[in-house]
């Protein structure tokens, strides 16, 4: 009889332990979901705002340059836009570092994201040439590293939460790899006579396709944040 009571107590303790672990996981998921929503809105709202500011700044600086033949306004506008972009990047990096407390992939993504913004800001003030090209290549490498680490982190935090969305992130990662290989191949083929025109057309199509991939990433970010908050 005492043995039965002992087994009952053991089963009860195990059940309570499992419930406590599940409750802790829910709390972590809710916290991650809130942070992830911040990243989502920074990405969705930040990109169009920077583009619109760049267009408006380009128009203003072009008009001023035509009237007064001065490039100072151009550099002032570009510098202001770069600072706004850098500030948004810092906030994004902070969110990634907070998420990185539980998953190291986000911390690596945050470091890469900081380098992306630094390279972008420096490239704006460096004249076209060898150094500018190197900076753009470094930016591309940092962006790819950021994307892969961010996707890996998203997959890991979805483990046991939503395997379907996690598999969608895996598919998106493969698409990014294929897209990068295609873009790199087109850039190389553009230097080959007779093929360069076709490569240019494919490059334009790939650039348009990348917009669709970006929207797909935003959709997955929203679904991931919602799945974490509703877990």
Protein backbone atom coordinates (compact mmCIF):
# COMPACT_ATOMS: atom_id res chain seq x y z
CA UNK A 1 0.00 0.00 0.00
CA UNK A 2 2.80 2.43 0.89
CA UNK A 3 4.41 1.62 -2.42
CA UNK A 4 1.22 2.71 -4.25
CA UNK A 5 1.25 6.02 -2.36
CA UNK A 6 4.90 6.47 -3.31
CA UNK A 7 4.14 5.87 -6.99
CA UNK A 8 1.21 8.29 -6.83
CA UNK A 9 3.39 10.99 -5.27
CA UNK A 10 6.04 10.40 -7.94
CA UNK A 11 3.49 10.67 -10.76
CA UNK A 12 2.02 13.83 -9.21
CA UNK A 13 5.48 15.39 -8.84
CA UNK A 14 6.32 14.56 -12.48
CA UNK A 15 3.04 16.08 -13.66
CA UNK A 16 3.63 19.25 -11.65
CA UNK A 17 7.17 19.47 -13.02
CA UNK A 18 5.89 19.12 -16.59
CA UNK A 19 3.22 21.76 -16.00
CA UNK A 20 5.84 24.12 -14.56
CA UNK A 21 8.13 23.56 -17.55
CA UNK A 22 5.24 24.14 -19.95
CA UNK A 23 4.25 27.33 -18.11
CA UNK A 24 7.86 28.59 -18.30
CA UNK A 25 7.93 27.81 -22.02
CA UNK A 26 4.67 29.71 -22.58
CA UNK A 27 6.06 32.74 -20.76
CA UNK A 28 9.26 32.64 -22.83
CA UNK A 29 7.23 32.29 -26.03
CA UNK A 30 5.01 35.27 -25.13
CA UNK A 31 8.09 37.40 -24.42
CA UNK A 32 9.71 36.32 -27.69
CA UNK A 33 6.47 36.99 -29.55
CA UNK A 34 6.39 40.61 -28.34
CA UNK A 35 10.02 41.18 -29.33
CA UNK A 36 9.43 39.47 -32.66
CA UNK A 37 6.47 41.76 -33.38
CA UNK A 38 8.77 44.77 -32.82
CA UNK A 39 11.22 43.32 -35.34
CA UNK A 40 8.36 42.70 -37.77
CA UNK A 41 7.11 46.29 -37.64
CA UNK A 42 10.64 47.70 -37.82
CA UNK A 43 11.20 45.67 -40.98
CA UNK A 44 7.83 46.38 -42.62
CA UNK A 45 7.63 50.08 -41.78
CA UNK A 46 11.35 50.83 -41.85
CA UNK A 47 11.99 49.78 -45.44
CA UNK A 48 9.29 51.95 -47.12
CA UNK A 49 10.10 54.95 -44.88
CA UNK A 50 13.79 54.84 -45.80
CA UNK A 51 12.93 54.46 -49.50
CA UNK A 52 10.49 57.39 -49.42
CA UNK A 53 12.97 59.57 -47.52
CA UNK A 54 15.66 58.67 -50.06
CA UNK A 55 13.38 59.63 -52.96
CA UNK A 56 12.34 62.93 -51.35
CA UNK A 57 15.92 63.69 -50.37
CA UNK A 58 17.14 62.92 -53.90
CA UNK A 59 14.55 65.29 -55.38
CA UNK A 60 15.36 68.10 -52.94
CA UNK A 61 19.11 67.76 -53.35
CA UNK A 62 18.72 67.58 -57.15
CA UNK A 63 16.70 70.79 -57.23
CA UNK A 64 19.11 72.61 -54.92
CA UNK A 65 22.09 71.35 -56.91
CA UNK A 66 20.53 72.56 -60.15
CA UNK A 67 19.76 76.02 -58.71
CA UNK A 68 22.89 76.65 -56.69
CA UNK A 69 25.40 74.16 -58.14
CA UNK A 70 26.27 72.83 -54.69
CA UNK A 71 26.71 69.25 -53.47
CA UNK A 72 26.62 70.16 -49.78
CA UNK A 73 22.84 69.69 -49.58
CA UNK A 74 23.14 66.30 -51.26
CA UNK A 75 25.63 65.07 -48.68
CA UNK A 76 23.53 66.61 -45.88
CA UNK A 77 20.39 64.78 -47.06
CA UNK A 78 22.22 61.48 -47.62
CA UNK A 79 23.85 61.81 -44.21
CA UNK A 80 20.48 62.40 -42.53
CA UNK A 81 18.89 59.39 -44.22
CA UNK A 82 21.91 57.25 -43.33
CA UNK A 83 21.66 58.29 -39.68
CA UNK A 84 17.93 57.41 -39.60
CA UNK A 85 18.69 54.04 -41.17
CA UNK A 86 21.52 53.47 -38.69
CA UNK A 87 19.25 54.36 -35.74
CA UNK A 88 16.61 51.89 -36.94
CA UNK A 89 19.37 49.31 -37.37
CA UNK A 90 20.58 49.84 -33.80
CA UNK A 91 17.06 49.30 -32.42
CA UNK A 92 16.73 46.16 -34.53
CA UNK A 93 20.12 44.92 -33.30
CA UNK A 94 19.07 45.51 -29.67
CA UNK A 95 15.92 43.41 -30.20
CA UNK A 96 18.05 40.68 -31.77
CA UNK A 97 20.50 40.71 -28.86
CA UNK A 98 17.62 40.37 -26.38
CA UNK A 99 16.30 37.39 -28.32
CA UNK A 100 19.87 36.13 -28.45
CA UNK A 101 19.86 35.63 -24.68
CA UNK A 102 17.99 32.38 -25.32
CA UNK A 103 19.13 31.60 -28.87
CA UNK A 104 22.67 32.41 -30.04
CA UNK A 105 21.65 32.62 -33.70
CA UNK A 106 19.84 35.90 -33.03
CA UNK A 107 22.93 37.32 -31.33
CA UNK A 108 25.02 36.46 -34.41
CA UNK A 109 22.29 38.01 -36.59
CA UNK A 110 22.42 41.17 -34.48
CA UNK A 111 26.19 41.50 -34.93
CA UNK A 112 25.84 40.96 -38.69
CA UNK A 113 23.03 43.54 -38.85
CA UNK A 114 25.23 46.15 -37.17
CA UNK A 115 27.96 45.56 -39.77
CA UNK A 116 25.39 45.84 -42.58
CA UNK A 117 24.38 49.30 -41.39
CA UNK A 118 27.97 50.42 -40.78
CA UNK A 119 29.06 49.33 -44.27
CA UNK A 120 26.01 51.03 -45.81
CA UNK A 121 26.66 54.33 -44.05
CA UNK A 122 30.37 54.35 -44.99
CA UNK A 123 29.59 53.41 -48.62
CA UNK A 124 27.31 56.46 -48.94
CA UNK A 125 30.26 58.79 -48.36
CA UNK A 126 32.88 56.87 -50.37
CA UNK A 127 33.14 57.78 -54.08
CA UNK A 128 32.44 55.10 -56.67
CA UNK A 129 35.47 52.93 -57.18
CA UNK A 130 37.36 49.96 -55.81
CA UNK A 131 36.82 50.76 -52.11
CA UNK A 132 33.11 51.43 -52.65
CA UNK A 133 32.76 48.09 -54.48
CA UNK A 134 34.52 46.27 -51.62
CA UNK A 135 32.17 47.91 -49.12
CA UNK A 136 29.13 46.81 -51.14
CA UNK A 137 30.46 43.25 -51.31
CA UNK A 138 31.05 43.26 -47.55
CA UNK A 139 27.51 44.56 -47.08
CA UNK A 140 26.14 41.72 -49.22
CA UNK A 141 28.08 39.10 -47.25
CA UNK A 142 26.92 40.59 -43.94
CA UNK A 143 23.30 40.69 -45.16
CA UNK A 144 23.43 37.03 -46.20
CA UNK A 145 24.96 36.04 -42.86
CA UNK A 146 22.26 38.05 -41.05
CA UNK A 147 19.46 36.43 -43.06
CA UNK A 148 20.68 32.87 -42.50
CA UNK A 149 21.27 33.38 -38.77
CA UNK A 150 17.92 35.13 -38.36
CA UNK A 151 16.12 32.30 -40.18
CA UNK A 152 17.96 29.67 -38.12
CA UNK A 153 16.99 31.46 -34.92
CA UNK A 154 13.36 31.65 -36.06
CA UNK A 155 13.35 27.93 -36.78
CA UNK A 156 14.80 27.07 -33.36
CA UNK A 157 12.34 29.17 -31.33
CA UNK A 158 9.44 27.61 -33.26
CA UNK A 159 10.48 24.10 -32.17
CA UNK A 160 7.53 22.58 -30.35
CA UNK A 161 5.43 25.67 -31.14
CA UNK A 162 4.63 25.47 -34.87
CA UNK A 163 6.56 23.02 -37.03
CA UNK A 164 4.72 24.08 -40.20
CA UNK A 165 5.97 27.69 -40.00
CA UNK A 166 9.44 26.37 -39.12
CA UNK A 167 9.46 24.27 -42.32
CA UNK A 168 8.37 27.36 -44.29
CA UNK A 169 11.42 29.21 -42.94
CA UNK A 170 13.58 26.29 -44.11
CA UNK A 171 12.08 26.63 -47.60
CA UNK A 172 12.69 30.38 -47.59
CA UNK A 173 16.33 29.81 -46.67
CA UNK A 174 16.75 27.52 -49.69
CA UNK A 175 15.10 30.14 -51.93
CA UNK A 176 17.54 32.78 -50.64
CA UNK A 177 20.46 30.48 -51.51
CA UNK A 178 19.14 29.82 -55.03
CA UNK A 179 18.42 33.53 -55.53
CA UNK A 180 21.91 34.53 -54.44
CA UNK A 181 23.52 31.93 -56.71
CA UNK A 182 21.37 33.12 -59.61
CA UNK A 183 22.22 36.78 -59.04
CA UNK A 184 25.94 36.02 -58.73
CA UNK A 185 25.86 33.95 -61.93
CA UNK A 186 24.05 36.74 -63.81
CA UNK A 187 26.61 39.32 -62.68
CA UNK A 188 29.44 37.13 -63.97
CA UNK A 189 27.65 36.35 -67.27
CA UNK A 190 27.07 40.06 -67.91
CA UNK A 191 30.76 40.36 -68.80
CA UNK A 192 30.46 37.69 -71.53
CA UNK A 193 29.50 38.95 -75.02
CA UNK A 194 26.17 37.78 -76.55
CA UNK A 195 25.09 36.36 -73.19
CA UNK A 196 25.20 39.62 -71.27
CA UNK A 197 21.84 40.85 -72.60
CA UNK A 198 20.10 37.64 -71.49
CA UNK A 199 21.91 37.79 -68.16
CA UNK A 200 20.74 41.38 -67.68
CA UNK A 201 17.12 40.36 -68.35
CA UNK A 202 17.37 37.48 -65.88
CA UNK A 203 19.00 39.84 -63.36
CA UNK A 204 16.05 42.25 -63.63
CA UNK A 205 13.57 39.37 -63.21
CA UNK A 206 15.51 38.10 -60.18
CA UNK A 207 15.51 41.60 -58.68
CA UNK A 208 11.72 41.77 -59.08
CA UNK A 209 11.44 38.26 -57.62
CA UNK A 210 13.45 39.35 -54.59
CA UNK A 211 10.63 41.77 -53.73
CA UNK A 212 8.25 38.81 -53.57
CA UNK A 213 10.74 36.94 -51.37
CA UNK A 214 10.93 39.95 -49.04
CA UNK A 215 7.13 40.02 -48.72
CA UNK A 216 7.20 36.27 -48.04
CA UNK A 217 9.72 36.88 -45.25
CA UNK A 218 7.44 39.55 -43.73
CA UNK A 219 4.49 37.14 -43.80
CA UNK A 220 6.55 34.47 -42.03
CA UNK A 221 7.74 37.00 -39.45
CA UNK A 222 4.14 37.97 -38.69
CA UNK A 223 3.04 34.33 -38.45
CA UNK A 224 6.00 33.50 -36.21
CA UNK A 225 5.27 36.40 -33.83
CA UNK A 226 1.59 35.45 -33.66
CA UNK A 227 2.38 31.74 -33.09
CA UNK A 228 4.74 32.63 -30.22
CA UNK A 229 2.25 35.01 -28.57
CA UNK A 230 -0.64 32.56 -28.90
CA UNK A 231 1.27 29.51 -27.69
